[in-house]
Amino acid sequence: MNDNFYQAFAKLLADTYTLYLKTQNYHWHVRGPYFKTLHLMFEEQYTQLAMGVDTLAERIITLGHTAPASFSEFSALRSIKEGDPKKTAEQMLAELCDDHELILKDLYKVLKIAQEHSDEGSIALLGERIAEHEKTHWMLRASKAY
């Protein structure tokens, strides 16, 4: 894994971890008439993100690098902002939707690098992550319509 590939993978891991924490934060703090629906949806999403974090970190290690694993490392690498528990349910949905869109863009960048290096293991993993984020993005986008 070259440095470009590692940096892209590490950023993806940091953003995924940040989105995991943000989604769990919003799961705890969402309020309003759609509380139960959003509370359950956010729980499902942060559970999926936790598995994604583990998968990405293990792939980085499999490829011979050390996975970033501290808040300071994640903070230095991430582009996704932390969540604000005082936001409205609508603001939470909009932010999470935008964040999944951002991660999808990064996933496609990392996928392109993996394809250039014929890294079939990473290509398969990234394809699964793309499908998961596309589905979540769709669910969040559809939920914003109320």
C-alpha atoms as a PDB file:
ATOM      1  CA  MET A   1       0.000   0.000   0.000  1.00  0.00           C
ATOM      2  CA  ASN A   2       1.589   3.275  -1.048  1.00  0.00           C
ATOM      3  CA  ASP A   3       1.370   6.441   1.057  1.00  0.00           C
ATOM      4  CA  ASN A   4      -1.465   7.946  -1.020  1.00  0.00           C
ATOM      5  CA  PHE A   5      -3.524   4.798  -0.602  1.00  0.00           C
ATOM      6  CA  TYR A   6      -2.772   4.602   3.121  1.00  0.00           C
ATOM      7  CA  GLN A   7      -3.661   8.268   3.704  1.00  0.00           C
ATOM      8  CA  ALA A   8      -6.941   7.893   1.799  1.00  0.00           C
ATOM      9  CA  PHE A   9      -7.813   4.736   3.748  1.00  0.00           C
ATOM     10  CA  ALA A  10      -6.855   6.366   7.069  1.00  0.00           C
ATOM     11  CA  LYS A  11      -9.031   9.424   6.310  1.00  0.00           C
ATOM     12  CA  LEU A  12     -11.916   7.117   5.393  1.00  0.00           C
ATOM     13  CA  LEU A  13     -11.506   5.303   8.713  1.00  0.00           C
ATOM     14  CA  ALA A  14     -11.386   8.601  10.652  1.00  0.00           C
ATOM     15  CA  ASP A  15     -14.495   9.924   8.924  1.00  0.00           C
ATOM     16  CA  THR A  16     -16.341   6.640   9.431  1.00  0.00           C
ATOM     17  CA  TYR A  17     -15.469   6.648  13.136  1.00  0.00           C
ATOM     18  CA  THR A  18     -16.545  10.278  13.487  1.00  0.00           C
ATOM     19  CA  LEU A  19     -19.824   9.531  11.712  1.00  0.00           C
ATOM     20  CA  TYR A  20     -20.328   6.521  13.998  1.00  0.00           C
ATOM     21  CA  LEU A  21     -19.966   8.752  17.085  1.00  0.00           C
ATOM     22  CA  LYS A  22     -22.134  11.474  15.572  1.00  0.00           C
ATOM     23  CA  THR A  23     -24.894   9.025  14.693  1.00  0.00           C
ATOM     24  CA  GLN A  24     -24.815   7.540  18.188  1.00  0.00           C
ATOM     25  CA  ASN A  25     -24.922  11.067  19.635  1.00  0.00           C
ATOM     26  CA  TYR A  26     -28.007  11.852  17.542  1.00  0.00           C
ATOM     27  CA  HIS A  27     -29.569   8.503  18.516  1.00  0.00           C
ATOM     28  CA  TRP A  28     -29.316   9.567  22.155  1.00  0.00           C
ATOM     29  CA  HIS A  29     -30.481  13.160  21.669  1.00  0.00           C
ATOM     30  CA  VAL A  30     -33.066  13.170  18.870  1.00  0.00           C
ATOM     31  CA  ARG A  31     -36.430  14.534  19.942  1.00  0.00           C
ATOM     32  CA  GLY A  32     -39.745  15.471  18.456  1.00  0.00           C
ATOM     33  CA  PRO A  33     -42.777  13.737  16.983  1.00  0.00           C
ATOM     34  CA  TYR A  34     -40.634  11.222  15.036  1.00  0.00           C
ATOM     35  CA  PHE A  35     -38.416  10.385  18.011  1.00  0.00           C
ATOM     36  CA  LYS A  36     -39.018   6.630  18.108  1.00  0.00           C
ATOM     37  CA  THR A  37     -38.600   6.130  14.357  1.00  0.00           C
ATOM     38  CA  LEU A  38     -35.408   8.188  14.195  1.00  0.00           C
ATOM     39  CA  HIS A  39     -34.039   6.792  17.452  1.00  0.00           C
ATOM     40  CA  LEU A  40     -34.349   3.242  16.065  1.00  0.00           C
ATOM     41  CA  MET A  41     -33.041   4.192  12.606  1.00  0.00           C
ATOM     42  CA  PHE A  42     -29.982   5.947  14.068  1.00  0.00           C
ATOM     43  CA  GLU A  43     -29.273   2.911  16.262  1.00  0.00           C
ATOM     44  CA  GLU A  44     -29.301   0.630  13.232  1.00  0.00           C
ATOM     45  CA  GLN A  45     -27.028   3.046  11.387  1.00  0.00           C
ATOM     46  CA  TYR A  46     -24.443   3.454  14.121  1.00  0.00           C
ATOM     47  CA  THR A  47     -24.320  -0.316  14.561  1.00  0.00           C
ATOM     48  CA  GLN A  48     -23.541  -0.675  10.846  1.00  0.00           C
ATOM     49  CA  LEU A  49     -20.935   2.080  11.082  1.00  0.00           C
ATOM     50  CA  ALA A  50     -19.234   0.320  14.015  1.00  0.00           C
ATOM     51  CA  MET A  51     -18.816  -2.780  11.859  1.00  0.00           C
ATOM     52  CA  GLY A  52     -17.498  -0.585   9.051  1.00  0.00           C
ATOM     53  CA  VAL A  53     -14.908   0.987  11.347  1.00  0.00           C
ATOM     54  CA  ASP A  54     -13.660  -2.451  12.352  1.00  0.00           C
ATOM     55  CA  THR A  55     -13.533  -3.695   8.765  1.00  0.00           C
ATOM     56  CA  LEU A  56     -11.632  -0.640   7.517  1.00  0.00           C
ATOM     57  CA  ALA A  57      -9.120  -0.762  10.388  1.00  0.00           C
ATOM     58  CA  GLU A  58      -8.487  -4.474   9.856  1.00  0.00           C
ATOM     59  CA  ARG A  59      -7.922  -3.898   6.126  1.00  0.00           C
ATOM     60  CA  ILE A  60      -5.350  -1.184   6.837  1.00  0.00           C
ATOM     61  CA  ILE A  61      -3.541  -3.573   9.194  1.00  0.00           C
ATOM     62  CA  THR A  62      -3.802  -6.449   6.709  1.00  0.00           C
ATOM     63  CA  LEU A  63      -2.065  -4.230   4.153  1.00  0.00           C
ATOM     64  CA  GLY A  64       0.868  -3.720   6.520  1.00  0.00           C
ATOM     65  CA  HIS A  65       0.118  -0.398   8.187  1.00  0.00           C
ATOM     66  CA  THR A  66      -0.961   0.744  11.611  1.00  0.00           C
ATOM     67  CA  ALA A  67      -4.569   1.897  11.679  1.00  0.00           C
ATOM     68  CA  PRO A  68      -5.214   5.275  13.265  1.00  0.00           C
ATOM     69  CA  ALA A  69      -6.890   4.484  16.574  1.00  0.00           C
ATOM     70  CA  SER A  70      -6.983   7.544  18.815  1.00  0.00           C
ATOM     71  CA  PHE A  71      -9.195  10.588  19.023  1.00  0.00           C
ATOM     72  CA  SER A  72      -6.232  12.834  18.225  1.00  0.00           C
ATOM     73  CA  GLU A  73      -5.374  10.827  15.093  1.00  0.00           C
ATOM     74  CA  PHE A  74      -9.001  10.778  13.975  1.00  0.00           C
ATOM     75  CA  SER A  75      -9.341  14.505  14.638  1.00  0.00           C
ATOM     76  CA  ALA A  76      -6.285  15.282  12.498  1.00  0.00           C
ATOM     77  CA  LEU A  77      -7.544  13.136   9.597  1.00  0.00           C
ATOM     78  CA  ARG A  78     -11.296  13.645   9.545  1.00  0.00           C
ATOM     79  CA  SER A  79     -13.341  16.060   7.481  1.00  0.00           C
ATOM     80  CA  ILE A  80     -16.707  15.228   9.065  1.00  0.00           C
ATOM     81  CA  LYS A  81     -17.642  17.531  11.916  1.00  0.00           C
ATOM     82  CA  GLU A  82     -18.802  16.294  15.309  1.00  0.00           C
ATOM     83  CA  GLY A  83     -22.514  16.362  16.051  1.00  0.00           C
ATOM     84  CA  ASP A  84     -24.338  18.940  18.126  1.00  0.00           C
ATOM     85  CA  PRO A  85     -26.960  17.291  20.363  1.00  0.00           C
ATOM     86  CA  LYS A  86     -28.974  20.531  20.473  1.00  0.00           C
ATOM     87  CA  LYS A  87     -29.876  20.331  16.775  1.00  0.00           C
ATOM     88  CA  THR A  88     -33.426  19.586  15.695  1.00  0.00           C
ATOM     89  CA  ALA A  89     -34.324  16.204  14.235  1.00  0.00           C
ATOM     90  CA  GLU A  90     -34.501  17.799  10.785  1.00  0.00           C
ATOM     91  CA  GLN A  91     -31.014  19.288  11.167  1.00  0.00           C
ATOM     92  CA  MET A  92     -29.665  15.945  12.372  1.00  0.00           C
ATOM     93  CA  LEU A  93     -31.129  14.161   9.355  1.00  0.00           C
ATOM     94  CA  ALA A  94     -29.731  16.753   6.955  1.00  0.00           C
ATOM     95  CA  GLU A  95     -26.247  16.598   8.498  1.00  0.00           C
ATOM     96  CA  LEU A  96     -26.109  12.809   8.516  1.00  0.00           C
ATOM     97  CA  CYS A  97     -27.334  12.714   4.921  1.00  0.00           C
ATOM     98  CA  ASP A  98     -24.573  15.144   3.869  1.00  0.00           C
ATOM     99  CA  ASP A  99     -21.979  13.161   5.839  1.00  0.00           C
ATOM    100  CA  HIS A 100     -22.849   9.896   4.111  1.00  0.00           C
ATOM    101  CA  GLU A 101     -22.598  11.689   0.768  1.00  0.00           C
ATOM    102  CA  LEU A 102     -19.124  12.930   1.737  1.00  0.00           C
ATOM    103  CA  ILE A 103     -18.018   9.433   2.757  1.00  0.00           C
ATOM    104  CA  LEU A 104     -19.355   8.052  -0.525  1.00  0.00           C
ATOM    105  CA  LYS A 105     -17.142  10.498  -2.441  1.00  0.00           C
ATOM    106  CA  ASP A 106     -14.140   9.380  -0.391  1.00  0.00           C
ATOM    107  CA  LEU A 107     -15.037   5.707  -0.868  1.00  0.00           C
ATOM    108  CA  TYR A 108     -15.020   6.169  -4.639  1.00  0.00           C
ATOM    109  CA  LYS A 109     -11.600   7.891  -4.444  1.00  0.00           C
ATOM    110  CA  VAL A 110     -10.142   5.018  -2.409  1.00  0.00           C
ATOM    111  CA  LEU A 111     -11.809   2.488  -4.720  1.00  0.00           C
ATOM    112  CA  LYS A 112     -10.145   4.093  -7.742  1.00  0.00           C
ATOM    113  CA  ILE A 113      -6.733   3.785  -6.087  1.00  0.00           C
ATOM    114  CA  ALA A 114      -7.441   0.152  -5.145  1.00  0.00           C
ATOM    115  CA  GLN A 115      -8.425  -0.588  -8.743  1.00  0.00           C
ATOM    116  CA  GLU A 116      -5.223   1.028 -10.025  1.00  0.00           C
ATOM    117  CA  HIS A 117      -3.258  -1.334  -7.745  1.00  0.00           C
ATOM    118  CA  SER A 118      -5.416  -4.399  -8.556  1.00  0.00           C
ATOM    119  CA  ASP A 119      -6.112  -4.780  -4.827  1.00  0.00           C
ATOM    120  CA  GLU A 120      -9.071  -7.149  -5.042  1.00  0.00           C
ATOM    121  CA  GLY A 121      -9.498  -7.448  -1.261  1.00  0.00           C
ATOM    122  CA  SER A 122      -9.850  -3.693  -0.855  1.00  0.00           C
ATOM    123  CA  ILE A 123     -12.067  -3.450  -3.940  1.00  0.00           C
ATOM    124  CA  ALA A 124     -14.501  -5.994  -2.460  1.00  0.00           C
ATOM    125  CA  LEU A 125     -14.507  -4.310   0.964  1.00  0.00           C
ATOM    126  CA  LEU A 126     -15.028  -0.861  -0.529  1.00  0.00           C
ATOM    127  CA  GLY A 127     -17.866  -2.122  -2.715  1.00  0.00           C
ATOM    128  CA  GLU A 128     -19.666  -3.394   0.380  1.00  0.00           C
ATOM    129  CA  ARG A 129     -19.104  -0.092   2.203  1.00  0.00           C
ATOM    130  CA  ILE A 130     -20.370   1.862  -0.817  1.00  0.00           C
ATOM    131  CA  ALA A 131     -23.578  -0.191  -0.923  1.00  0.00           C
ATOM    132  CA  GLU A 132     -24.130   0.332   2.819  1.00  0.00           C
ATOM    133  CA  HIS A 133     -23.582   4.109   2.647  1.00  0.00           C
ATOM    134  CA  GLU A 134     -25.757   4.449  -0.463  1.00  0.00           C
ATOM    135  CA  LYS A 135     -28.614   2.674   1.320  1.00  0.00           C
ATOM    136  CA  THR A 136     -28.191   4.784   4.459  1.00  0.00           C
ATOM    137  CA  HIS A 137     -27.973   7.984   2.405  1.00  0.00           C
ATOM    138  CA  TRP A 138     -31.220   7.056   0.657  1.00  0.00           C
ATOM    139  CA  MET A 139     -32.965   6.310   3.980  1.00  0.00           C
ATOM    140  CA  LEU A 140     -31.851   9.607   5.496  1.00  0.00           C
ATOM    141  CA  ARG A 141     -32.773  11.567   2.362  1.00  0.00           C
ATOM    142  CA  ALA A 142     -36.236   9.936   2.287  1.00  0.00           C
ATOM    143  CA  SER A 143     -36.712  10.696   6.002  1.00  0.00           C
ATOM    144  CA  LYS A 144     -35.917  14.393   5.493  1.00  0.00           C
ATOM    145  CA  ALA A 145     -39.080  14.746   3.390  1.00  0.00           C
ATOM    146  CA  TYR A 146     -41.524  14.857   6.321  1.00  0.00           C
END
